[in-house]
Amino acid sequence: MQKMKVKVTFINPILGSASANPEVHSEFIASKAPDAPSRKEEIEALGADEVERKEMTVFARTEDGTPHLWDYQIRGFFKHACGMLKNVPGTESSKIKAFKKYIDGLVFVDERRIPLQFDGEMTSLQRPLRAQTAQGERVALANSEMCPAGTECEFTVSVLRDDLMPAVREWLDYGRLNGLGQWHNSGMGRFEWKEVA
């Protein structure tokens, strides 16, 4: 087994990806009920700030309120990076068959919670989401908590097969091109990394 301690520095802001509404599933199901209150009634009952907060994507928090990433978010990034890089001839990723199975069973992030450290205030970002549907184009507004560029975090990657470590380094390098969190295809959550002792 090999271990590598990694320090990540986000070169672009990173957006939260968890629902601020702890009962999002039950509320989604309830919203489909025929007697569900209209959005206008919900705003009148709860207030606009509470409705906006419930619909925002946020960061998970430690007990002291520090925003953090979960280990599975890093592993999910590894799967995405490997899936893209396996299409590039000559990469370490292109040599890995059934890459999701290998990452699930052989590549781990030791820390369950990965605190995000930054100076200044966390802000929010609103952006339009567009989708082509059978009924035509639909537009909605997304709102996410945002940690600024320069945010840092550290975590430990453990691999059970030593020959996978070059691929892990390759995946981390990919973070400069396509990052973590919400809206990462727009450049949000892009990062640089280095190995630390």
N, C-alpha and C. Protein backbone atom coordinates (compact mmCIF):
# COMPACT_ATOMS: atom_id res chain seq x y z
N MET A 1 0.84 -1.19 0.00
CA MET A 1 0.00 0.00 0.00
C MET A 1 0.88 1.24 0.00
N GLN A 2 0.51 2.22 -0.80
CA GLN A 2 1.19 3.52 -0.81
C GLN A 2 0.23 4.58 -0.32
N LYS A 3 0.79 5.58 0.36
CA LYS A 3 0.02 6.73 0.81
C LYS A 3 0.67 8.00 0.30
N MET A 4 -0.16 8.99 -0.01
CA MET A 4 0.35 10.29 -0.45
C MET A 4 -0.50 11.38 0.18
N LYS A 5 0.14 12.30 0.89
CA LYS A 5 -0.55 13.46 1.47
C LYS A 5 -0.58 14.54 0.41
N VAL A 6 -1.76 15.07 0.15
CA VAL A 6 -1.97 16.02 -0.93
C VAL A 6 -2.48 17.34 -0.37
N LYS A 7 -1.93 18.45 -0.88
CA LYS A 7 -2.46 19.78 -0.57
C LYS A 7 -3.00 20.37 -1.86
N VAL A 8 -4.27 20.73 -1.83
CA VAL A 8 -4.95 21.30 -2.99
C VAL A 8 -5.17 22.79 -2.75
N THR A 9 -4.87 23.60 -3.76
CA THR A 9 -5.17 25.03 -3.74
C THR A 9 -6.07 25.34 -4.93
N PHE A 10 -7.25 25.84 -4.66
CA PHE A 10 -8.20 26.13 -5.72
C PHE A 10 -7.80 27.42 -6.43
N ILE A 11 -7.63 27.34 -7.74
CA ILE A 11 -7.25 28.52 -8.52
C ILE A 11 -8.48 29.30 -8.98
N ASN A 12 -9.64 28.68 -8.90
CA ASN A 12 -10.93 29.33 -9.15
C ASN A 12 -11.82 29.06 -7.95
N PRO A 13 -12.85 29.87 -7.73
CA PRO A 13 -13.76 29.58 -6.63
C PRO A 13 -14.37 28.20 -6.77
N ILE A 14 -14.74 27.62 -5.63
CA ILE A 14 -15.41 26.31 -5.62
C ILE A 14 -16.81 26.50 -5.05
N LEU A 15 -17.79 25.84 -5.68
CA LEU A 15 -19.18 25.99 -5.29
C LEU A 15 -19.65 24.79 -4.48
N GLY A 16 -20.50 25.05 -3.50
CA GLY A 16 -21.08 23.98 -2.70
C GLY A 16 -22.02 23.14 -3.55
N SER A 17 -22.15 21.87 -3.19
CA SER A 17 -22.98 20.97 -4.01
C SER A 17 -24.04 20.22 -3.21
N ALA A 18 -24.16 20.47 -1.92
CA ALA A 18 -25.18 19.79 -1.10
C ALA A 18 -26.42 20.68 -0.99
N SER A 19 -27.57 20.06 -0.93
CA SER A 19 -28.79 20.82 -0.76
C SER A 19 -28.83 21.44 0.63
N ALA A 20 -29.25 22.69 0.71
CA ALA A 20 -29.41 23.34 2.02
C ALA A 20 -30.66 22.85 2.73
N ASN A 21 -31.53 22.17 2.00
CA ASN A 21 -32.76 21.67 2.57
C ASN A 21 -32.54 20.24 3.05
N PRO A 22 -32.53 20.00 4.36
CA PRO A 22 -32.24 18.65 4.86
C PRO A 22 -33.29 17.62 4.48
N GLU A 23 -34.47 18.06 4.06
CA GLU A 23 -35.52 17.12 3.70
C GLU A 23 -35.89 17.29 2.23
N VAL A 24 -34.85 17.49 1.40
CA VAL A 24 -35.11 17.79 -0.01
C VAL A 24 -35.90 16.69 -0.69
N HIS A 25 -35.62 15.43 -0.37
CA HIS A 25 -36.34 14.34 -1.02
C HIS A 25 -37.82 14.36 -0.66
N SER A 26 -38.09 14.46 0.64
CA SER A 26 -39.50 14.43 1.04
C SER A 26 -40.24 15.66 0.53
N GLU A 27 -39.56 16.80 0.49
CA GLU A 27 -40.21 18.00 -0.03
C GLU A 27 -40.42 17.89 -1.53
N PHE A 28 -39.49 17.25 -2.24
CA PHE A 28 -39.67 17.06 -3.68
C PHE A 28 -40.90 16.18 -3.92
N ILE A 29 -41.00 15.08 -3.17
CA ILE A 29 -42.15 14.20 -3.32
C ILE A 29 -43.43 14.96 -2.94
N ALA A 30 -43.38 15.71 -1.85
CA ALA A 30 -44.56 16.45 -1.41
C ALA A 30 -44.96 17.51 -2.42
N SER A 31 -43.99 18.08 -3.11
CA SER A 31 -44.31 19.13 -4.09
C SER A 31 -45.11 18.59 -5.26
N LYS A 32 -45.09 17.27 -5.45
CA LYS A 32 -45.83 16.66 -6.55
C LYS A 32 -47.27 16.32 -6.14
N ALA A 33 -47.58 16.50 -4.87
CA ALA A 33 -48.92 16.19 -4.39
C ALA A 33 -49.92 17.21 -4.96
N PRO A 34 -51.15 16.80 -5.23
CA PRO A 34 -52.12 17.72 -5.84
C PRO A 34 -52.48 18.90 -4.94
N ASP A 35 -52.35 18.75 -3.62
CA ASP A 35 -52.70 19.85 -2.72
C ASP A 35 -51.48 20.61 -2.22
N ALA A 36 -50.32 20.47 -2.91
CA ALA A 36 -49.10 21.17 -2.50
C ALA A 36 -49.30 22.68 -2.66
N PRO A 37 -48.75 23.48 -1.74
CA PRO A 37 -48.91 24.93 -1.85
C PRO A 37 -48.13 25.45 -3.06
N SER A 38 -48.64 26.51 -3.62
CA SER A 38 -47.94 27.13 -4.75
C SER A 38 -46.66 27.79 -4.24
N ARG A 39 -45.75 28.09 -5.14
CA ARG A 39 -44.50 28.76 -4.77
C ARG A 39 -44.81 30.09 -4.10
N LYS A 40 -45.81 30.81 -4.60
CA LYS A 40 -46.18 32.10 -4.00
C LYS A 40 -46.61 31.90 -2.55
N GLU A 41 -47.43 30.88 -2.30
CA GLU A 41 -47.89 30.61 -0.93
C GLU A 41 -46.72 30.22 -0.03
N GLU A 42 -45.77 29.44 -0.58
CA GLU A 42 -44.61 29.03 0.21
C GLU A 42 -43.77 30.24 0.60
N ILE A 43 -43.57 31.15 -0.34
CA ILE A 43 -42.79 32.37 -0.05
C ILE A 43 -43.50 33.20 1.01
N GLU A 44 -44.83 33.34 0.88
CA GLU A 44 -45.59 34.11 1.87
C GLU A 44 -45.51 33.48 3.25
N ALA A 45 -45.53 32.14 3.30
CA ALA A 45 -45.52 31.45 4.59
C ALA A 45 -44.14 31.44 5.24
N LEU A 46 -43.10 31.26 4.43
CA LEU A 46 -41.76 31.11 5.00
C LEU A 46 -40.91 32.37 4.90
N GLY A 47 -41.21 33.23 3.96
CA GLY A 47 -40.37 34.38 3.69
C GLY A 47 -39.41 34.07 2.55
N ALA A 48 -39.08 35.07 1.76
CA ALA A 48 -38.25 34.87 0.57
C ALA A 48 -36.85 34.38 0.92
N ASP A 49 -36.27 34.88 2.02
CA ASP A 49 -34.91 34.47 2.38
C ASP A 49 -34.84 32.98 2.70
N GLU A 50 -35.83 32.45 3.43
CA GLU A 50 -35.83 31.04 3.79
C GLU A 50 -36.03 30.16 2.57
N VAL A 51 -36.91 30.55 1.66
CA VAL A 51 -37.13 29.77 0.44
C VAL A 51 -35.86 29.77 -0.40
N GLU A 52 -35.21 30.94 -0.53
CA GLU A 52 -33.97 31.01 -1.29
C GLU A 52 -32.89 30.14 -0.65
N ARG A 53 -32.77 30.17 0.66
CA ARG A 53 -31.77 29.38 1.37
C ARG A 53 -32.02 27.88 1.17
N LYS A 54 -33.28 27.45 1.23
CA LYS A 54 -33.59 26.04 1.06
C LYS A 54 -33.22 25.55 -0.34
N GLU A 55 -33.27 26.43 -1.31
CA GLU A 55 -33.01 26.02 -2.69
C GLU A 55 -31.55 26.21 -3.09
N MET A 56 -30.72 26.67 -2.18
CA MET A 56 -29.30 26.90 -2.45
C MET A 56 -28.52 25.61 -2.27
N THR A 57 -27.43 25.45 -3.04
CA THR A 57 -26.50 24.36 -2.75
C THR A 57 -25.41 24.92 -1.86
N VAL A 58 -25.03 24.14 -0.87
CA VAL A 58 -24.14 24.61 0.18
C VAL A 58 -23.01 23.60 0.39
N PHE A 59 -22.09 23.95 1.26
CA PHE A 59 -21.05 23.04 1.71
C PHE A 59 -21.50 22.35 3.00
N ALA A 60 -21.15 21.10 3.15
CA ALA A 60 -21.32 20.45 4.44
C ALA A 60 -20.44 21.17 5.45
N ARG A 61 -20.78 21.08 6.72
CA ARG A 61 -20.03 21.80 7.76
C ARG A 61 -19.54 20.81 8.83
N THR A 62 -18.35 21.12 9.39
CA THR A 62 -17.87 20.39 10.55
C THR A 62 -18.64 20.89 11.77
N GLU A 63 -18.38 20.29 12.93
CA GLU A 63 -19.09 20.68 14.15
C GLU A 63 -18.88 22.15 14.48
N ASP A 64 -17.70 22.70 14.13
CA ASP A 64 -17.44 24.12 14.44
C ASP A 64 -17.87 25.06 13.32
N GLY A 65 -18.54 24.53 12.29
CA GLY A 65 -19.07 25.38 11.21
C GLY A 65 -18.15 25.55 10.02
N THR A 66 -16.99 24.90 10.01
CA THR A 66 -16.06 25.01 8.89
C THR A 66 -16.61 24.24 7.68
N PRO A 67 -16.67 24.87 6.50
CA PRO A 67 -17.12 24.11 5.33
C PRO A 67 -16.13 23.02 4.97
N HIS A 68 -16.63 21.91 4.46
CA HIS A 68 -15.72 20.81 4.11
C HIS A 68 -16.23 20.04 2.90
N LEU A 69 -15.32 19.28 2.31
CA LEU A 69 -15.65 18.30 1.28
C LEU A 69 -15.72 16.93 1.94
N TRP A 70 -16.44 16.01 1.31
CA TRP A 70 -16.47 14.63 1.76
C TRP A 70 -15.46 13.82 0.96
N ASP A 71 -14.98 12.73 1.54
CA ASP A 71 -14.03 11.85 0.85
C ASP A 71 -14.59 11.36 -0.49
N TYR A 72 -15.87 11.05 -0.55
CA TYR A 72 -16.44 10.52 -1.78
C TYR A 72 -16.45 11.54 -2.91
N GLN A 73 -16.40 12.85 -2.58
CA GLN A 73 -16.32 13.85 -3.63
C GLN A 73 -14.97 13.79 -4.35
N ILE A 74 -13.91 13.53 -3.59
CA ILE A 74 -12.58 13.39 -4.20
C ILE A 74 -12.56 12.13 -5.05
N ARG A 75 -13.08 11.03 -4.54
CA ARG A 75 -13.10 9.78 -5.31
C ARG A 75 -13.98 9.92 -6.54
N GLY A 76 -15.07 10.64 -6.44
CA GLY A 76 -15.91 10.91 -7.61
C GLY A 76 -15.16 11.71 -8.65
N PHE A 77 -14.37 12.69 -8.19
CA PHE A 77 -13.53 13.44 -9.12
C PHE A 77 -12.53 12.51 -9.80
N PHE A 78 -11.92 11.59 -9.03
CA PHE A 78 -10.98 10.63 -9.62
C PHE A 78 -11.66 9.82 -10.74
N LYS A 79 -12.88 9.38 -10.50
CA LYS A 79 -13.60 8.60 -11.52
C LYS A 79 -13.85 9.44 -12.76
N HIS A 80 -14.26 10.68 -12.56
CA HIS A 80 -14.50 11.56 -13.71
C HIS A 80 -13.21 11.79 -14.49
N ALA A 81 -12.13 12.10 -13.77
CA ALA A 81 -10.85 12.37 -14.44
C ALA A 81 -10.37 11.14 -15.19
N CYS A 82 -10.44 9.98 -14.57
CA CYS A 82 -9.99 8.75 -15.22
C CYS A 82 -10.85 8.44 -16.44
N GLY A 83 -12.14 8.64 -16.32
CA GLY A 83 -13.05 8.40 -17.44
C GLY A 83 -12.74 9.26 -18.64
N MET A 84 -12.32 10.50 -18.41
CA MET A 84 -11.95 11.39 -19.51
C MET A 84 -10.56 11.06 -20.05
N LEU A 85 -9.61 10.86 -19.13
CA LEU A 85 -8.21 10.64 -19.55
C LEU A 85 -7.99 9.28 -20.19
N LYS A 86 -8.88 8.33 -19.96
CA LYS A 86 -8.70 7.02 -20.61
C LYS A 86 -8.90 7.13 -22.12
N ASN A 87 -9.46 8.26 -22.57
CA ASN A 87 -9.63 8.52 -24.00
C ASN A 87 -8.41 9.19 -24.62
N VAL A 88 -7.38 9.44 -23.81
CA VAL A 88 -6.16 10.08 -24.29
C VAL A 88 -5.07 9.01 -24.38
N PRO A 89 -4.67 8.66 -25.60
CA PRO A 89 -3.65 7.60 -25.74
C PRO A 89 -2.36 7.93 -24.99
N GLY A 90 -1.79 6.91 -24.36
CA GLY A 90 -0.52 7.07 -23.67
C GLY A 90 -0.63 7.50 -22.22
N THR A 91 -1.85 7.80 -21.74
CA THR A 91 -2.00 8.19 -20.34
C THR A 91 -2.05 6.94 -19.46
N GLU A 92 -1.75 7.13 -18.18
CA GLU A 92 -1.89 6.03 -17.21
C GLU A 92 -3.34 5.54 -17.17
N SER A 93 -4.27 6.47 -17.28
CA SER A 93 -5.69 6.13 -17.22
C SER A 93 -6.11 5.24 -18.37
N SER A 94 -5.50 5.42 -19.53
CA SER A 94 -5.89 4.62 -20.70
C SER A 94 -5.53 3.14 -20.52
N LYS A 95 -4.68 2.84 -19.55
CA LYS A 95 -4.27 1.45 -19.29
C LYS A 95 -5.20 0.73 -18.30
N ILE A 96 -6.11 1.47 -17.67
CA ILE A 96 -6.95 0.89 -16.61
C ILE A 96 -8.30 0.47 -17.19
N LYS A 97 -8.56 -0.82 -17.16
CA LYS A 97 -9.86 -1.35 -17.58
C LYS A 97 -10.79 -1.33 -16.36
N ALA A 98 -12.06 -1.18 -16.57
CA ALA A 98 -13.05 -1.16 -15.47
C ALA A 98 -12.60 -0.20 -14.37
N PHE A 99 -12.29 1.04 -14.76
CA PHE A 99 -11.68 2.00 -13.84
C PHE A 99 -12.54 2.31 -12.62
N LYS A 100 -13.86 2.34 -12.75
CA LYS A 100 -14.70 2.65 -11.58
C LYS A 100 -14.55 1.58 -10.51
N LYS A 101 -14.47 0.32 -10.94
CA LYS A 101 -14.29 -0.78 -9.99
C LYS A 101 -12.95 -0.65 -9.27
N TYR A 102 -11.90 -0.30 -10.00
CA TYR A 102 -10.57 -0.14 -9.39
C TYR A 102 -10.57 1.02 -8.39
N ILE A 103 -11.16 2.13 -8.76
CA ILE A 103 -11.18 3.28 -7.84
C ILE A 103 -12.01 2.96 -6.61
N ASP A 104 -13.17 2.32 -6.80
CA ASP A 104 -14.01 1.96 -5.65
C ASP A 104 -13.31 1.02 -4.69
N GLY A 105 -12.53 0.08 -5.20
CA GLY A 105 -11.96 -0.96 -4.35
C GLY A 105 -10.50 -0.82 -3.99
N LEU A 106 -9.77 0.08 -4.70
CA LEU A 106 -8.32 0.14 -4.48
C LEU A 106 -7.78 1.53 -4.18
N VAL A 107 -8.56 2.57 -4.39
CA VAL A 107 -8.10 3.95 -4.17
C VAL A 107 -9.00 4.59 -3.11
N PHE A 108 -8.40 5.10 -2.04
CA PHE A 108 -9.17 5.62 -0.91
C PHE A 108 -8.65 6.99 -0.49
N VAL A 109 -9.55 7.78 0.10
CA VAL A 109 -9.18 9.03 0.76
C VAL A 109 -9.36 8.77 2.24
N ASP A 110 -8.28 8.92 3.02
CA ASP A 110 -8.30 8.51 4.43
C ASP A 110 -9.26 9.35 5.28
N GLU A 111 -9.27 10.66 5.07
CA GLU A 111 -10.09 11.55 5.89
C GLU A 111 -11.53 11.53 5.38
N ARG A 112 -12.48 11.36 6.27
CA ARG A 112 -13.89 11.39 5.86
C ARG A 112 -14.31 12.81 5.51
N ARG A 113 -13.94 13.78 6.36
CA ARG A 113 -14.24 15.19 6.13
C ARG A 113 -12.94 15.91 5.80
N ILE A 114 -12.98 16.77 4.79
CA ILE A 114 -11.80 17.50 4.35
C ILE A 114 -12.10 18.99 4.47
N PRO A 115 -11.67 19.63 5.58
CA PRO A 115 -12.00 21.05 5.80
C PRO A 115 -11.39 21.96 4.74
N LEU A 116 -12.16 22.99 4.37
CA LEU A 116 -11.72 24.01 3.42
C LEU A 116 -11.24 25.23 4.20
N GLN A 117 -10.02 25.65 3.95
CA GLN A 117 -9.43 26.80 4.66
C GLN A 117 -9.30 27.96 3.69
N PHE A 118 -9.77 29.13 4.08
CA PHE A 118 -9.69 30.31 3.21
C PHE A 118 -9.75 31.58 4.04
N ASP A 119 -9.25 32.67 3.47
CA ASP A 119 -9.34 33.98 4.08
C ASP A 119 -10.56 34.71 3.53
N GLY A 120 -11.17 35.52 4.35
CA GLY A 120 -12.30 36.30 3.89
C GLY A 120 -13.62 35.58 4.11
N GLU A 121 -14.61 36.06 3.41
CA GLU A 121 -15.98 35.58 3.57
C GLU A 121 -16.37 34.61 2.47
N MET A 122 -17.24 33.70 2.82
CA MET A 122 -17.86 32.87 1.81
C MET A 122 -19.00 33.69 1.21
N THR A 123 -19.16 33.61 -0.11
CA THR A 123 -20.21 34.36 -0.80
C THR A 123 -21.14 33.36 -1.48
N SER A 124 -21.99 33.85 -2.37
CA SER A 124 -22.84 32.96 -3.15
C SER A 124 -22.80 33.38 -4.61
N LEU A 125 -23.16 32.45 -5.46
CA LEU A 125 -23.16 32.70 -6.90
C LEU A 125 -24.48 32.22 -7.47
N GLN A 126 -25.17 33.13 -8.18
CA GLN A 126 -26.38 32.76 -8.89
C GLN A 126 -26.07 32.68 -10.37
N ARG A 127 -26.64 31.67 -11.04
CA ARG A 127 -26.41 31.51 -12.46
C ARG A 127 -27.62 30.84 -13.09
N PRO A 128 -27.85 31.10 -14.38
CA PRO A 128 -28.98 30.45 -15.05
C PRO A 128 -28.61 29.02 -15.45
N LEU A 129 -29.57 28.13 -15.37
CA LEU A 129 -29.43 26.77 -15.88
C LEU A 129 -30.39 26.63 -17.04
N ARG A 130 -29.87 26.23 -18.18
CA ARG A 130 -30.71 26.06 -19.37
C ARG A 130 -30.78 24.59 -19.73
N ALA A 131 -31.95 24.16 -20.16
CA ALA A 131 -32.12 22.77 -20.59
C ALA A 131 -33.07 22.72 -21.78
N GLN A 132 -32.75 21.88 -22.73
CA GLN A 132 -33.66 21.63 -23.86
C GLN A 132 -34.56 20.47 -23.46
N THR A 133 -35.85 20.70 -23.45
CA THR A 133 -36.80 19.65 -23.11
C THR A 133 -37.77 19.46 -24.27
N ALA A 134 -38.62 18.44 -24.16
CA ALA A 134 -39.63 18.19 -25.20
C ALA A 134 -40.60 19.37 -25.32
N GLN A 135 -40.76 20.13 -24.24
CA GLN A 135 -41.65 21.29 -24.26
C GLN A 135 -40.92 22.57 -24.69
N GLY A 136 -39.66 22.47 -25.04
CA GLY A 136 -38.87 23.63 -25.44
C GLY A 136 -37.80 23.95 -24.41
N GLU A 137 -37.12 25.07 -24.60
CA GLU A 137 -36.05 25.44 -23.68
C GLU A 137 -36.63 25.89 -22.35
N ARG A 138 -36.01 25.43 -21.27
CA ARG A 138 -36.40 25.82 -19.91
C ARG A 138 -35.20 26.48 -19.25
N VAL A 139 -35.48 27.50 -18.47
CA VAL A 139 -34.42 28.21 -17.75
C VAL A 139 -34.79 28.27 -16.28
N ALA A 140 -33.83 27.95 -15.42
CA ALA A 140 -34.03 28.07 -13.98
C ALA A 140 -32.83 28.81 -13.41
N LEU A 141 -32.95 29.25 -12.19
CA LEU A 141 -31.85 29.96 -11.52
C LEU A 141 -31.26 29.06 -10.46
N ALA A 142 -29.94 28.87 -10.50
CA ALA A 142 -29.23 28.09 -9.48
C ALA A 142 -28.48 29.05 -8.58
N ASN A 143 -28.39 28.70 -7.31
CA ASN A 143 -27.73 29.54 -6.32
C ASN A 143 -26.86 28.64 -5.45
N SER A 144 -25.58 28.96 -5.32
CA SER A 144 -24.65 28.12 -4.57
C SER A 144 -23.75 28.94 -3.68
N GLU A 145 -23.43 28.37 -2.50
CA GLU A 145 -22.37 28.96 -1.68
C GLU A 145 -21.06 28.86 -2.45
N MET A 146 -20.17 29.83 -2.22
CA MET A 146 -18.92 29.86 -2.98
C MET A 146 -17.75 30.22 -2.06
N CYS A 147 -16.73 29.34 -2.03
CA CYS A 147 -15.47 29.64 -1.36
C CYS A 147 -14.54 30.27 -2.40
N PRO A 148 -13.75 31.27 -2.02
CA PRO A 148 -12.97 32.02 -3.00
C PRO A 148 -11.77 31.26 -3.57
N ALA A 149 -11.26 31.76 -4.68
CA ALA A 149 -9.99 31.25 -5.21
C ALA A 149 -8.95 31.40 -4.10
N GLY A 150 -8.03 30.46 -4.01
CA GLY A 150 -7.04 30.45 -2.94
C GLY A 150 -7.42 29.55 -1.78
N THR A 151 -8.66 29.06 -1.77
CA THR A 151 -9.10 28.11 -0.75
C THR A 151 -8.21 26.86 -0.81
N GLU A 152 -7.85 26.32 0.35
CA GLU A 152 -6.96 25.16 0.40
C GLU A 152 -7.60 24.03 1.22
N CYS A 153 -7.15 22.82 0.92
CA CYS A 153 -7.52 21.66 1.73
C CYS A 153 -6.42 20.61 1.60
N GLU A 154 -6.37 19.71 2.56
CA GLU A 154 -5.39 18.62 2.55
C GLU A 154 -6.09 17.31 2.83
N PHE A 155 -5.62 16.26 2.15
CA PHE A 155 -6.15 14.92 2.37
C PHE A 155 -5.09 13.90 2.01
N THR A 156 -5.31 12.66 2.43
CA THR A 156 -4.37 11.57 2.18
C THR A 156 -5.01 10.56 1.24
N VAL A 157 -4.29 10.23 0.17
CA VAL A 157 -4.76 9.21 -0.77
C VAL A 157 -4.00 7.92 -0.47
N SER A 158 -4.73 6.82 -0.31
CA SER A 158 -4.13 5.50 -0.10
C SER A 158 -4.52 4.61 -1.28
N VAL A 159 -3.52 3.92 -1.84
CA VAL A 159 -3.80 2.97 -2.93
C VAL A 159 -3.31 1.59 -2.50
N LEU A 160 -4.11 0.58 -2.78
CA LEU A 160 -3.75 -0.78 -2.40
C LEU A 160 -2.87 -1.47 -3.44
N ARG A 161 -2.78 -0.88 -4.63
CA ARG A 161 -1.88 -1.39 -5.65
C ARG A 161 -0.94 -0.26 -6.04
N ASP A 162 0.36 -0.45 -5.78
CA ASP A 162 1.33 0.62 -5.97
C ASP A 162 1.35 1.17 -7.39
N ASP A 163 1.06 0.34 -8.39
CA ASP A 163 1.13 0.80 -9.78
C ASP A 163 0.00 1.77 -10.14
N LEU A 164 -0.95 2.01 -9.22
CA LEU A 164 -2.01 2.97 -9.48
C LEU A 164 -1.63 4.40 -9.09
N MET A 165 -0.56 4.57 -8.31
CA MET A 165 -0.20 5.91 -7.84
C MET A 165 0.12 6.88 -8.99
N PRO A 166 0.80 6.46 -10.07
CA PRO A 166 0.99 7.40 -11.19
C PRO A 166 -0.33 7.88 -11.78
N ALA A 167 -1.34 7.01 -11.82
CA ALA A 167 -2.65 7.42 -12.32
C ALA A 167 -3.29 8.45 -11.38
N VAL A 168 -3.15 8.25 -10.06
CA VAL A 168 -3.68 9.23 -9.10
C VAL A 168 -3.06 10.60 -9.33
N ARG A 169 -1.76 10.64 -9.55
CA ARG A 169 -1.08 11.91 -9.84
C ARG A 169 -1.63 12.54 -11.13
N GLU A 170 -1.87 11.71 -12.12
CA GLU A 170 -2.44 12.17 -13.39
C GLU A 170 -3.83 12.77 -13.17
N TRP A 171 -4.65 12.10 -12.35
CA TRP A 171 -6.00 12.60 -12.08
C TRP A 171 -5.94 13.94 -11.36
N LEU A 172 -5.03 14.06 -10.40
CA LEU A 172 -4.89 15.33 -9.68
C LEU A 172 -4.43 16.44 -10.63
N ASP A 173 -3.55 16.11 -11.57
CA ASP A 173 -3.13 17.11 -12.57
C ASP A 173 -4.32 17.58 -13.41
N TYR A 174 -5.26 16.69 -13.66
CA TYR A 174 -6.46 17.02 -14.44
C TYR A 174 -7.31 18.10 -13.75
N GLY A 175 -7.16 18.22 -12.44
CA GLY A 175 -7.90 19.23 -11.68
C GLY A 175 -7.61 20.65 -12.12
N ARG A 176 -6.50 20.87 -12.79
CA ARG A 176 -6.20 22.20 -13.33
C ARG A 176 -7.10 22.52 -14.51
N LEU A 177 -7.62 21.47 -15.15
CA LEU A 177 -8.46 21.64 -16.34
C LEU A 177 -9.95 21.55 -16.03
N ASN A 178 -10.31 20.69 -15.10
CA ASN A 178 -11.72 20.46 -14.77
C ASN A 178 -11.78 20.15 -13.29
N GLY A 179 -12.50 20.96 -12.53
CA GLY A 179 -12.37 20.90 -11.08
C GLY A 179 -13.44 20.13 -10.34
N LEU A 180 -13.65 20.53 -9.09
CA LEU A 180 -14.57 19.90 -8.14
C LEU A 180 -15.78 20.79 -7.89
N GLY A 181 -16.86 20.19 -7.46
CA GLY A 181 -18.02 20.95 -7.03
C GLY A 181 -18.97 21.27 -8.16
N GLN A 182 -20.00 22.09 -7.83
CA GLN A 182 -20.99 22.51 -8.81
C GLN A 182 -20.33 23.31 -9.92
N TRP A 183 -20.86 23.17 -11.12
CA TRP A 183 -20.52 23.98 -12.28
C TRP A 183 -19.04 23.89 -12.64
N HIS A 184 -18.43 22.73 -12.38
CA HIS A 184 -17.00 22.56 -12.63
C HIS A 184 -16.65 22.62 -14.11
N ASN A 185 -17.62 22.33 -15.00
CA ASN A 185 -17.33 22.43 -16.44
C ASN A 185 -17.17 23.86 -16.90
N SER A 186 -17.59 24.83 -16.09
CA SER A 186 -17.39 26.24 -16.43
C SER A 186 -16.04 26.75 -15.95
N GLY A 187 -15.30 25.92 -15.23
CA GLY A 187 -14.02 26.34 -14.68
C GLY A 187 -14.04 26.50 -13.17
N MET A 188 -15.23 26.44 -12.57
CA MET A 188 -15.30 26.53 -11.12
C MET A 188 -14.64 25.30 -10.49
N GLY A 189 -13.98 25.51 -9.35
CA GLY A 189 -13.39 24.39 -8.62
C GLY A 189 -12.10 23.86 -9.21
N ARG A 190 -11.53 24.56 -10.20
CA ARG A 190 -10.24 24.10 -10.74
C ARG A 190 -9.16 24.32 -9.68
N PHE A 191 -8.16 23.42 -9.68
CA PHE A 191 -7.17 23.47 -8.60
C PHE A 191 -5.79 23.03 -9.07
N GLU A 192 -4.80 23.42 -8.27
CA GLU A 192 -3.43 22.91 -8.37
C GLU A 192 -3.19 22.08 -7.13
N TRP A 193 -2.21 21.19 -7.18
CA TRP A 193 -1.94 20.34 -6.04
C TRP A 193 -0.44 20.13 -5.90
N LYS A 194 -0.06 19.73 -4.71
CA LYS A 194 1.32 19.32 -4.47
C LYS A 194 1.32 18.26 -3.38
N GLU A 195 2.35 17.44 -3.41
CA GLU A 195 2.51 16.42 -2.38
C GLU A 195 3.21 17.06 -1.20
N VAL A 196 2.71 16.81 0.00
CA VAL A 196 3.30 17.38 1.21
C VAL A 196 3.76 16.24 2.11
N ALA A 197 4.75 16.53 2.95
CA ALA A 197 5.31 15.51 3.83
C ALA A 197 4.30 15.18 4.93
